[in-house]
PDB file of N, CA and C in Angstrom:
ATOM      1  N   MET A   1      11.660  -3.269  -4.871  1.00  0.00           N
ATOM      2  CA  MET A   1      10.427  -2.932  -4.172  1.00  0.00           C
ATOM      3  C   MET A   1      10.797  -2.541  -2.748  1.00  0.00           C
ATOM      4  N   LYS A   2      10.614  -1.312  -2.401  1.00  0.00           N
ATOM      5  CA  LYS A   2      10.928  -0.812  -1.065  1.00  0.00           C
ATOM      6  C   LYS A   2       9.639  -0.410  -0.389  1.00  0.00           C
ATOM      7  N   LYS A   3       9.228  -1.169   0.588  1.00  0.00           N
ATOM      8  CA  LYS A   3       8.012  -0.899   1.347  1.00  0.00           C
ATOM      9  C   LYS A   3       8.404  -0.627   2.794  1.00  0.00           C
ATOM     10  N   GLY A   4       7.568   0.098   3.507  1.00  0.00           N
ATOM     11  CA  GLY A   4       7.838   0.394   4.896  1.00  0.00           C
ATOM     12  C   GLY A   4       7.634  -0.784   5.818  1.00  0.00           C
ATOM     13  N   PHE A   5       6.929  -1.810   5.357  1.00  0.00           N
ATOM     14  CA  PHE A   5       6.629  -2.961   6.190  1.00  0.00           C
ATOM     15  C   PHE A   5       7.334  -4.224   5.703  1.00  0.00           C
ATOM     16  N   LEU A   6       8.178  -4.108   4.663  1.00  0.00           N
ATOM     17  CA  LEU A   6       8.951  -5.234   4.144  1.00  0.00           C
ATOM     18  C   LEU A   6      10.416  -4.849   4.050  1.00  0.00           C
ATOM     19  N   GLU A   7      11.268  -5.840   4.260  1.00  0.00           N
ATOM     20  CA  GLU A   7      12.705  -5.645   4.120  1.00  0.00           C
ATOM     21  C   GLU A   7      13.241  -6.759   3.238  1.00  0.00           C
ATOM     22  N   LYS A   8      13.919  -6.395   2.162  1.00  0.00           N
ATOM     23  CA  LYS A   8      14.441  -7.392   1.227  1.00  0.00           C
ATOM     24  C   LYS A   8      15.660  -8.078   1.831  1.00  0.00           C
ATOM     25  N   ASN A   9      15.694  -9.404   1.728  1.00  0.00           N
ATOM     26  CA  ASN A   9      16.806 -10.200   2.218  1.00  0.00           C
ATOM     27  C   ASN A   9      17.528 -10.771   1.007  1.00  0.00           C
ATOM     28  N   SER A  10      18.517 -10.062   0.512  1.00  0.00           N
ATOM     29  CA  SER A  10      19.193 -10.472  -0.717  1.00  0.00           C
ATOM     30  C   SER A  10      20.132 -11.653  -0.509  1.00  0.00           C
ATOM     31  N   ALA A  11      20.502 -11.961   0.703  1.00  0.00           N
ATOM     32  CA  ALA A  11      21.414 -13.075   0.956  1.00  0.00           C
ATOM     33  C   ALA A  11      20.754 -14.422   0.653  1.00  0.00           C
ATOM     34  N   GLN A  12      19.440 -14.529   0.859  1.00  0.00           N
ATOM     35  CA  GLN A  12      18.745 -15.793   0.632  1.00  0.00           C
ATOM     36  C   GLN A  12      17.888 -15.771  -0.621  1.00  0.00           C
ATOM     37  N   SER A  13      18.021 -14.765  -1.458  1.00  0.00           N
ATOM     38  CA  SER A  13      17.273 -14.684  -2.709  1.00  0.00           C
ATOM     39  C   SER A  13      18.054 -15.388  -3.811  1.00  0.00           C
ATOM     40  N   ASP A  14      17.336 -15.857  -4.820  1.00  0.00           N
ATOM     41  CA  ASP A  14      17.989 -16.478  -5.963  1.00  0.00           C
ATOM     42  C   ASP A  14      17.413 -15.899  -7.244  1.00  0.00           C
ATOM     43  N   GLU A  15      17.706 -16.524  -8.388  1.00  0.00           N
ATOM     44  CA  GLU A  15      17.275 -15.965  -9.666  1.00  0.00           C
ATOM     45  C   GLU A  15      15.781 -16.103  -9.921  1.00  0.00           C
ATOM     46  N   LYS A  16      15.098 -17.013  -9.235  1.00  0.00           N
ATOM     47  CA  LYS A  16      13.659 -17.206  -9.444  1.00  0.00           C
ATOM     48  C   LYS A  16      12.802 -16.528  -8.381  1.00  0.00           C
ATOM     49  N   THR A  17      13.323 -16.407  -7.178  1.00  0.00           N
ATOM     50  CA  THR A  17      12.531 -15.867  -6.077  1.00  0.00           C
ATOM     51  C   THR A  17      13.304 -14.801  -5.316  1.00  0.00           C
ATOM     52  N   THR A  18      12.548 -13.976  -4.605  1.00  0.00           N
ATOM     53  CA  THR A  18      13.115 -12.946  -3.736  1.00  0.00           C
ATOM     54  C   THR A  18      12.502 -13.126  -2.355  1.00  0.00           C
ATOM     55  N   LEU A  19      13.330 -13.049  -1.324  1.00  0.00           N
ATOM     56  CA  LEU A  19      12.870 -13.239   0.042  1.00  0.00           C
ATOM     57  C   LEU A  19      12.727 -11.882   0.725  1.00  0.00           C
ATOM     58  N   PHE A  20      11.570 -11.658   1.344  1.00  0.00           N
ATOM     59  CA  PHE A  20      11.296 -10.434   2.092  1.00  0.00           C
ATOM     60  C   PHE A  20      10.961 -10.795   3.524  1.00  0.00           C
ATOM     61  N   LYS A  21      11.424  -9.982   4.471  1.00  0.00           N
ATOM     62  CA  LYS A  21      11.052 -10.138   5.878  1.00  0.00           C
ATOM     63  C   LYS A  21       9.979  -9.115   6.184  1.00  0.00           C
ATOM     64  N   VAL A  22       8.883  -9.583   6.763  1.00  0.00           N
ATOM     65  CA  VAL A  22       7.810  -8.689   7.198  1.00  0.00           C
ATOM     66  C   VAL A  22       8.238  -8.104   8.536  1.00  0.00           C
ATOM     67  N   LEU A  23       8.284  -6.792   8.597  1.00  0.00           N
ATOM     68  CA  LEU A  23       8.748  -6.124   9.816  1.00  0.00           C
ATOM     69  C   LEU A  23       7.641  -6.159  10.862  1.00  0.00           C
ATOM     70  N   SER A  24       7.838  -7.012  11.857  1.00  0.00           N
ATOM     71  CA  SER A  24       6.871  -7.187  12.931  1.00  0.00           C
ATOM     72  C   SER A  24       7.636  -7.487  14.211  1.00  0.00           C
ATOM     73  N   ARG A  25       7.127  -7.024  15.320  1.00  0.00           N
ATOM     74  CA  ARG A  25       7.807  -7.237  16.599  1.00  0.00           C
ATOM     75  C   ARG A  25       7.520  -8.608  17.191  1.00  0.00           C
ATOM     76  N   ARG A  26       6.370  -9.172  16.872  1.00  0.00           N
ATOM     77  CA  ARG A  26       5.948 -10.398  17.549  1.00  0.00           C
ATOM     78  C   ARG A  26       6.492 -11.680  16.941  1.00  0.00           C
ATOM     79  N   GLU A  27       6.634 -11.750  15.617  1.00  0.00           N
ATOM     80  CA  GLU A  27       7.029 -13.006  15.001  1.00  0.00           C
ATOM     81  C   GLU A  27       7.950 -12.753  13.814  1.00  0.00           C
ATOM     82  N   ASP A  28       8.575 -13.811  13.354  1.00  0.00           N
ATOM     83  CA  ASP A  28       9.410 -13.760  12.160  1.00  0.00           C
ATOM     84  C   ASP A  28       8.604 -14.341  11.010  1.00  0.00           C
ATOM     85  N   LEU A  29       8.159 -13.491  10.124  1.00  0.00           N
ATOM     86  CA  LEU A  29       7.396 -13.920   8.964  1.00  0.00           C
ATOM     87  C   LEU A  29       8.162 -13.498   7.721  1.00  0.00           C
ATOM     88  N   PHE A  30       8.413 -14.451   6.842  1.00  0.00           N
ATOM     89  CA  PHE A  30       9.134 -14.196   5.602  1.00  0.00           C
ATOM     90  C   PHE A  30       8.232 -14.523   4.428  1.00  0.00           C
ATOM     91  N   LEU A  31       8.350 -13.749   3.363  1.00  0.00           N
ATOM     92  CA  LEU A  31       7.629 -13.989   2.124  1.00  0.00           C
ATOM     93  C   LEU A  31       8.641 -14.305   1.034  1.00  0.00           C
ATOM     94  N   ARG A  32       8.482 -15.453   0.402  1.00  0.00           N
ATOM     95  CA  ARG A  32       9.312 -15.807  -0.744  1.00  0.00           C
ATOM     96  C   ARG A  32       8.444 -15.612  -1.981  1.00  0.00           C
ATOM     97  N   VAL A  33       8.756 -14.576  -2.775  1.00  0.00           N
ATOM     98  CA  VAL A  33       7.924 -14.143  -3.894  1.00  0.00           C
ATOM     99  C   VAL A  33       8.627 -14.469  -5.203  1.00  0.00           C
ATOM    100  N   ASP A  34       7.873 -15.034  -6.157  1.00  0.00           N
ATOM    101  CA  ASP A  34       8.415 -15.243  -7.501  1.00  0.00           C
ATOM    102  C   ASP A  34       8.755 -13.890  -8.118  1.00  0.00           C
ATOM    103  N   ASN A  35       9.876 -13.835  -8.806  1.00  0.00           N
ATOM    104  CA  ASN A  35      10.306 -12.575  -9.419  1.00  0.00           C
ATOM    105  C   ASN A  35       9.332 -12.089 -10.487  1.00  0.00           C
ATOM    106  N   SER A  36       8.577 -12.994 -11.101  1.00  0.00           N
ATOM    107  CA  SER A  36       7.595 -12.571 -12.106  1.00  0.00           C
ATOM    108  C   SER A  36       6.419 -11.824 -11.484  1.00  0.00           C
ATOM    109  N   LEU A  37       6.209 -11.979 -10.174  1.00  0.00           N
ATOM    110  CA  LEU A  37       5.100 -11.311  -9.490  1.00  0.00           C
ATOM    111  C   LEU A  37       5.484  -9.962  -8.877  1.00  0.00           C
ATOM    112  N   LEU A  38       6.743  -9.634  -8.836  1.00  0.00           N
ATOM    113  CA  LEU A  38       7.171  -8.384  -8.192  1.00  0.00           C
ATOM    114  C   LEU A  38       6.521  -7.139  -8.797  1.00  0.00           C
ATOM    115  N   PRO A  39       6.383  -7.029 -10.126  1.00  0.00           N
ATOM    116  CA  PRO A  39       5.690  -5.835 -10.661  1.00  0.00           C
ATOM    117  C   PRO A  39       4.218  -5.761 -10.240  1.00  0.00           C
ATOM    118  N   LYS A  40       3.573  -6.896 -10.042  1.00  0.00           N
ATOM    119  CA  LYS A  40       2.170  -6.904  -9.633  1.00  0.00           C
ATOM    120  C   LYS A  40       2.001  -6.471  -8.179  1.00  0.00           C
ATOM    121  N   LEU A  41       3.038  -6.655  -7.378  1.00  0.00           N
ATOM    122  CA  LEU A  41       2.962  -6.316  -5.958  1.00  0.00           C
ATOM    123  C   LEU A  41       3.422  -4.895  -5.660  1.00  0.00           C
ATOM    124  N   GLU A  42       3.647  -4.101  -6.684  1.00  0.00           N
ATOM    125  CA  GLU A  42       4.029  -2.700  -6.469  1.00  0.00           C
ATOM    126  C   GLU A  42       2.891  -1.893  -5.851  1.00  0.00           C
ATOM    127  N   ASP A  43       1.660  -2.344  -6.043  1.00  0.00           N
ATOM    128  CA  ASP A  43       0.501  -1.661  -5.480  1.00  0.00           C
ATOM    129  C   ASP A  43       0.435  -1.952  -3.980  1.00  0.00           C
ATOM    130  N   ASP A  44       0.557  -0.912  -3.151  1.00  0.00           N
ATOM    131  CA  ASP A  44       0.558  -1.083  -1.697  1.00  0.00           C
ATOM    132  C   ASP A  44      -0.736  -1.683  -1.170  1.00  0.00           C
ATOM    133  N   ALA A  45      -1.858  -1.320  -1.748  1.00  0.00           N
ATOM    134  CA  ALA A  45      -3.147  -1.793  -1.236  1.00  0.00           C
ATOM    135  C   ALA A  45      -3.272  -3.299  -1.374  1.00  0.00           C
ATOM    136  N   LYS A  46      -2.870  -3.853  -2.516  1.00  0.00           N
ATOM    137  CA  LYS A  46      -2.957  -5.299  -2.723  1.00  0.00           C
ATOM    138  C   LYS A  46      -2.028  -6.038  -1.779  1.00  0.00           C
ATOM    139  N   LEU A  47      -0.823  -5.526  -1.628  1.00  0.00           N
ATOM    140  CA  LEU A  47       0.153  -6.188  -0.771  1.00  0.00           C
ATOM    141  C   LEU A  47      -0.263  -6.125   0.695  1.00  0.00           C
ATOM    142  N   LYS A  48      -0.776  -5.003   1.145  1.00  0.00           N
ATOM    143  CA  LYS A  48      -1.235  -4.890   2.534  1.00  0.00           C
ATOM    144  C   LYS A  48      -2.418  -5.803   2.795  1.00  0.00           C
ATOM    145  N   LYS A  49      -3.317  -5.914   1.825  1.00  0.00           N
ATOM    146  CA  LYS A  49      -4.459  -6.816   1.977  1.00  0.00           C
ATOM    147  C   LYS A  49      -3.985  -8.263   2.098  1.00  0.00           C
ATOM    148  N   MET A  50      -3.001  -8.634   1.268  1.00  0.00           N
ATOM    149  CA  MET A  50      -2.458  -9.982   1.317  1.00  0.00           C
ATOM    150  C   MET A  50      -1.790 -10.251   2.660  1.00  0.00           C
ATOM    151  N   LEU A  51      -1.007  -9.314   3.160  1.00  0.00           N
ATOM    152  CA  LEU A  51      -0.318  -9.501   4.439  1.00  0.00           C
ATOM    153  C   LEU A  51      -1.301  -9.550   5.604  1.00  0.00           C
ATOM    154  N   ASP A  52      -2.340  -8.732   5.571  1.00  0.00           N
ATOM    155  CA  ASP A  52      -3.353  -8.782   6.628  1.00  0.00           C
ATOM    156  C   ASP A  52      -4.022 -10.149   6.670  1.00  0.00           C
ATOM    157  N   THR A  53      -4.331 -10.690   5.505  1.00  0.00           N
ATOM    158  CA  THR A  53      -4.948 -12.017   5.431  1.00  0.00           C
ATOM    159  C   THR A  53      -4.003 -13.082   5.960  1.00  0.00           C
ATOM    160  N   LEU A  54      -2.740 -12.999   5.584  1.00  0.00           N
ATOM    161  CA  LEU A  54      -1.759 -13.983   6.053  1.00  0.00           C
ATOM    162  C   LEU A  54      -1.569 -13.918   7.558  1.00  0.00           C
ATOM    163  N   LEU A  55      -1.465 -12.723   8.097  1.00  0.00           N
ATOM    164  CA  LEU A  55      -1.244 -12.587   9.537  1.00  0.00           C
ATOM    165  C   LEU A  55      -2.473 -13.005  10.341  1.00  0.00           C
ATOM    166  N   ARG A  56      -3.638 -12.782   9.810  1.00  0.00           N
ATOM    167  CA  ARG A  56      -4.865 -13.162  10.502  1.00  0.00           C
ATOM    168  C   ARG A  56      -5.027 -14.680  10.568  1.00  0.00           C
ATOM    169  N   LYS A  57      -4.594 -15.387   9.529  1.00  0.00           N
ATOM    170  CA  LYS A  57      -4.806 -16.832   9.444  1.00  0.00           C
ATOM    171  C   LYS A  57      -3.634 -17.647   9.979  1.00  0.00           C
ATOM    172  N   ARG A  58      -2.616 -16.991  10.504  1.00  0.00           N
ATOM    173  CA  ARG A  58      -1.465 -17.704  11.036  1.00  0.00           C
ATOM    174  C   ARG A  58      -1.769 -18.337  12.377  1.00  0.00           C
ATOM    175  N   SER A  59      -1.087 -19.430  12.631  1.00  0.00           N
ATOM    176  CA  SER A  59      -1.198 -20.084  13.924  1.00  0.00           C
ATOM    177  C   SER A  59      -0.428 -19.270  14.962  1.00  0.00           C
ATOM    178  N   LYS A  60      -0.999 -19.088  16.118  1.00  0.00           N
ATOM    179  CA  LYS A  60      -0.338 -18.307  17.173  1.00  0.00           C
ATOM    180  C   LYS A  60       0.881 -19.029  17.738  1.00  0.00           C
ATOM    181  N   ALA A  61       0.897 -20.360  17.652  1.00  0.00           N
ATOM    182  CA  ALA A  61       2.012 -21.127  18.192  1.00  0.00           C
ATOM    183  C   ALA A  61       3.237 -21.062  17.280  1.00  0.00           C
ATOM    184  N   ASN A  62       3.033 -20.734  16.030  1.00  0.00           N
ATOM    185  CA  ASN A  62       4.123 -20.693  15.068  1.00  0.00           C
ATOM    186  C   ASN A  62       4.797 -19.327  15.129  1.00  0.00           C
ATOM    187  N   ARG A  63       6.063 -19.303  15.506  1.00  0.00           N
ATOM    188  CA  ARG A  63       6.772 -18.035  15.679  1.00  0.00           C
ATOM    189  C   ARG A  63       7.568 -17.625  14.445  1.00  0.00           C
ATOM    190  N   ARG A  64       7.957 -18.593  13.617  1.00  0.00           N
ATOM    191  CA  ARG A  64       8.759 -18.296  12.426  1.00  0.00           C
ATOM    192  C   ARG A  64       8.185 -19.081  11.260  1.00  0.00           C
ATOM    193  N   GLU A  65       7.966 -18.389  10.142  1.00  0.00           N
ATOM    194  CA  GLU A  65       7.343 -19.038   9.005  1.00  0.00           C
ATOM    195  C   GLU A  65       7.800 -18.368   7.708  1.00  0.00           C
ATOM    196  N   ILE A  66       7.993 -19.186   6.681  1.00  0.00           N
ATOM    197  CA  ILE A  66       8.288 -18.683   5.338  1.00  0.00           C
ATOM    198  C   ILE A  66       7.106 -19.047   4.459  1.00  0.00           C
ATOM    199  N   ILE A  67       6.498 -18.038   3.858  1.00  0.00           N
ATOM    200  CA  ILE A  67       5.335 -18.239   3.006  1.00  0.00           C
ATOM    201  C   ILE A  67       5.754 -18.017   1.561  1.00  0.00           C
ATOM    202  N   ASN A  68       5.475 -18.997   0.720  1.00  0.00           N
ATOM    203  CA  ASN A  68       5.802 -18.914  -0.698  1.00  0.00           C
ATOM    204  C   ASN A  68       4.623 -18.333  -1.454  1.00  0.00           C
ATOM    205  N   ILE A  69       4.891 -17.315  -2.251  1.00  0.00           N
ATOM    206  CA  ILE A  69       3.860 -16.711  -3.090  1.00  0.00           C
ATOM    207  C   ILE A  69       4.249 -16.978  -4.536  1.00  0.00           C
ATOM    208  N   THR A  70       3.501 -17.891  -5.149  1.00  0.00           N
ATOM    209  CA  THR A  70       3.729 -18.254  -6.540  1.00  0.00           C
ATOM    210  C   THR A  70       2.604 -17.694  -7.389  1.00  0.00           C
ATOM    211  N   GLN A  71       2.702 -17.916  -8.679  1.00  0.00           N
ATOM    212  CA  GLN A  71       1.672 -17.429  -9.606  1.00  0.00           C
ATOM    213  C   GLN A  71       0.300 -18.011  -9.249  1.00  0.00           C
ATOM    214  N   HIS A  72       0.288 -19.293  -8.863  1.00  0.00           N
ATOM    215  CA  HIS A  72      -0.975 -19.957  -8.543  1.00  0.00           C
ATOM    216  C   HIS A  72      -1.617 -19.406  -7.262  1.00  0.00           C
ATOM    217  N   ASN A  73      -0.864 -19.358  -6.174  1.00  0.00           N
ATOM    218  CA  ASN A  73      -1.481 -18.939  -4.926  1.00  0.00           C
ATOM    219  C   ASN A  73      -1.595 -17.420  -4.800  1.00  0.00           C
ATOM    220  N   TYR A  74      -0.991 -16.666  -5.707  1.00  0.00           N
ATOM    221  CA  TYR A  74      -1.187 -15.208  -5.734  1.00  0.00           C
ATOM    222  C   TYR A  74      -2.667 -14.896  -5.997  1.00  0.00           C
ATOM    223  N   ARG A  75      -3.288 -15.652  -6.914  1.00  0.00           N
ATOM    224  CA  ARG A  75      -4.703 -15.455  -7.211  1.00  0.00           C
ATOM    225  C   ARG A  75      -5.581 -15.818  -6.015  1.00  0.00           C
ATOM    226  N   ILE A  76      -5.159 -16.796  -5.244  1.00  0.00           N
ATOM    227  CA  ILE A  76      -5.921 -17.220  -4.068  1.00  0.00           C
ATOM    228  C   ILE A  76      -5.865 -16.144  -2.986  1.00  0.00           C
ATOM    229  N   PHE A  77      -4.688 -15.550  -2.770  1.00  0.00           N
ATOM    230  CA  PHE A  77      -4.518 -14.528  -1.735  1.00  0.00           C
ATOM    231  C   PHE A  77      -5.389 -13.306  -2.013  1.00  0.00           C
ATOM    232  N   LEU A  78      -5.524 -12.940  -3.276  1.00  0.00           N
ATOM    233  CA  LEU A  78      -6.297 -11.745  -3.607  1.00  0.00           C
ATOM    234  C   LEU A  78      -7.714 -12.135  -3.883  1.00  0.00           C
TER     235      LEU A  78
END
């Protein structure tokens, strides 16, 4: 999955999850996505909506965060 606003971090990925860095100047936000959900996130509109929601609800004091996206909370995000 190659998106203009995500960068895959293969060094910290494993067989169950893939780690992506959200390209942002202000903070370090990482998404740890289950590999079973990667085909569902190919749609740019769904992924952008999810990221907008995550960035809006983040604490301003928190500069670095890893967010896990599993099968359960994927339904909550959308």
